[in-house]
């Protein structure tokens, strides 16, 4: 499946639906943390459109496939 175009807030919402919780914010980056071990942290840029390479890396780090992520949107 093709990588969707999403904003930072949409990406945060999708990751929250699989167990990530807001941790902190540094400037324009929202840090979310998964409560179950391993305690993965993702730094999501709060932009109108997250760059494709960045989004793909975040999806991979979360242990999801592009299809799984697209269904969460």
C-alpha atoms as a PDB file:
ATOM      1  CA  UNK A   1       0.000   0.000   0.000  1.00  0.00           C
ATOM      2  CA  UNK A   2       1.082   3.549  -0.697  1.00  0.00           C
ATOM      3  CA  UNK A   3       2.241   5.648   2.252  1.00  0.00           C
ATOM      4  CA  UNK A   4      -0.553   8.041   3.308  1.00  0.00           C
ATOM      5  CA  UNK A   5      -0.042  11.796   3.632  1.00  0.00           C
ATOM      6  CA  UNK A   6      -0.694  12.725   7.259  1.00  0.00           C
ATOM      7  CA  UNK A   7      -0.207  15.640   9.607  1.00  0.00           C
ATOM      8  CA  UNK A   8       1.679  15.343  12.865  1.00  0.00           C
ATOM      9  CA  UNK A   9      -1.515  15.446  14.916  1.00  0.00           C
ATOM     10  CA  UNK A  10      -3.082  12.680  12.771  1.00  0.00           C
ATOM     11  CA  UNK A  11       0.018  10.543  13.295  1.00  0.00           C
ATOM     12  CA  UNK A  12      -0.120  11.098  17.075  1.00  0.00           C
ATOM     13  CA  UNK A  13      -3.801  10.088  17.081  1.00  0.00           C
ATOM     14  CA  UNK A  14      -3.027   6.897  15.142  1.00  0.00           C
ATOM     15  CA  UNK A  15      -0.146   5.916  17.429  1.00  0.00           C
ATOM     16  CA  UNK A  16      -2.282   6.606  20.511  1.00  0.00           C
ATOM     17  CA  UNK A  17      -4.809   4.044  19.277  1.00  0.00           C
ATOM     18  CA  UNK A  18      -2.129   1.319  19.553  1.00  0.00           C
ATOM     19  CA  UNK A  19      -1.015   2.184  23.081  1.00  0.00           C
ATOM     20  CA  UNK A  20       1.294   5.193  22.762  1.00  0.00           C
ATOM     21  CA  UNK A  21       0.707   8.017  25.235  1.00  0.00           C
ATOM     22  CA  UNK A  22       1.732  11.672  25.169  1.00  0.00           C
ATOM     23  CA  UNK A  23       4.992  12.066  27.076  1.00  0.00           C
ATOM     24  CA  UNK A  24       6.250  15.596  26.378  1.00  0.00           C
ATOM     25  CA  UNK A  25       6.693  18.212  23.694  1.00  0.00           C
ATOM     26  CA  UNK A  26       9.906  19.926  22.603  1.00  0.00           C
ATOM     27  CA  UNK A  27       9.237  22.784  20.224  1.00  0.00           C
ATOM     28  CA  UNK A  28       7.415  21.389  17.218  1.00  0.00           C
ATOM     29  CA  UNK A  29       8.040  17.717  18.121  1.00  0.00           C
ATOM     30  CA  UNK A  30       5.588  15.658  20.137  1.00  0.00           C
ATOM     31  CA  UNK A  31       7.138  12.779  22.072  1.00  0.00           C
ATOM     32  CA  UNK A  32       4.913   9.745  22.626  1.00  0.00           C
ATOM     33  CA  UNK A  33       5.874   6.721  24.708  1.00  0.00           C
ATOM     34  CA  UNK A  34       4.545   3.168  24.749  1.00  0.00           C
ATOM     35  CA  UNK A  35       3.753   1.950  28.243  1.00  0.00           C
ATOM     36  CA  UNK A  36       4.517  -1.738  27.592  1.00  0.00           C
ATOM     37  CA  UNK A  37       8.137  -2.947  27.447  1.00  0.00           C
ATOM     38  CA  UNK A  38      10.166  -2.161  25.489  1.00  0.00           C
ATOM     39  CA  UNK A  39       9.337   1.465  26.334  1.00  0.00           C
ATOM     40  CA  UNK A  40       9.639   2.844  22.824  1.00  0.00           C
ATOM     41  CA  UNK A  41       9.559   6.602  22.356  1.00  0.00           C
ATOM     42  CA  UNK A  42       8.652   8.273  19.086  1.00  0.00           C
ATOM     43  CA  UNK A  43       9.399  11.889  18.214  1.00  0.00           C
ATOM     44  CA  UNK A  44       6.674  13.054  15.838  1.00  0.00           C
ATOM     45  CA  UNK A  45       7.075  16.426  14.103  1.00  0.00           C
ATOM     46  CA  UNK A  46       3.908  18.483  14.579  1.00  0.00           C
ATOM     47  CA  UNK A  47       3.781  19.709  10.978  1.00  0.00           C
ATOM     48  CA  UNK A  48       0.946  19.986   8.468  1.00  0.00           C
ATOM     49  CA  UNK A  49       2.543  17.117   6.540  1.00  0.00           C
ATOM     50  CA  UNK A  50       5.047  14.634   7.974  1.00  0.00           C
ATOM     51  CA  UNK A  51       7.821  13.845   5.474  1.00  0.00           C
ATOM     52  CA  UNK A  52       7.447  10.412   3.892  1.00  0.00           C
ATOM     53  CA  UNK A  53      10.835   9.123   5.069  1.00  0.00           C
ATOM     54  CA  UNK A  54      10.159  10.320   8.609  1.00  0.00           C
ATOM     55  CA  UNK A  55       6.703   8.750   8.640  1.00  0.00           C
ATOM     56  CA  UNK A  56       8.039   5.442   7.298  1.00  0.00           C
ATOM     57  CA  UNK A  57      10.733   5.403  10.020  1.00  0.00           C
ATOM     58  CA  UNK A  58       8.138   6.125  12.741  1.00  0.00           C
ATOM     59  CA  UNK A  59       5.867   3.338  11.484  1.00  0.00           C
ATOM     60  CA  UNK A  60       8.805   0.910  11.408  1.00  0.00           C
ATOM     61  CA  UNK A  61       9.959   1.937  14.906  1.00  0.00           C
ATOM     62  CA  UNK A  62       6.433   1.340  16.229  1.00  0.00           C
ATOM     63  CA  UNK A  63       6.498  -2.182  14.781  1.00  0.00           C
ATOM     64  CA  UNK A  64       3.654  -1.562  12.365  1.00  0.00           C
ATOM     65  CA  UNK A  65       3.255  -2.087   8.644  1.00  0.00           C
ATOM     66  CA  UNK A  66       2.108   0.727   6.355  1.00  0.00           C
ATOM     67  CA  UNK A  67      -1.229  -1.089   5.914  1.00  0.00           C
ATOM     68  CA  UNK A  68      -1.760  -1.368   9.674  1.00  0.00           C
ATOM     69  CA  UNK A  69      -0.926   2.307  10.142  1.00  0.00           C
ATOM     70  CA  UNK A  70      -3.279   3.363   7.322  1.00  0.00           C
ATOM     71  CA  UNK A  71      -6.142   1.431   8.967  1.00  0.00           C
ATOM     72  CA  UNK A  72      -5.556   3.351  12.225  1.00  0.00           C
ATOM     73  CA  UNK A  73      -6.172   6.676  10.450  1.00  0.00           C
END
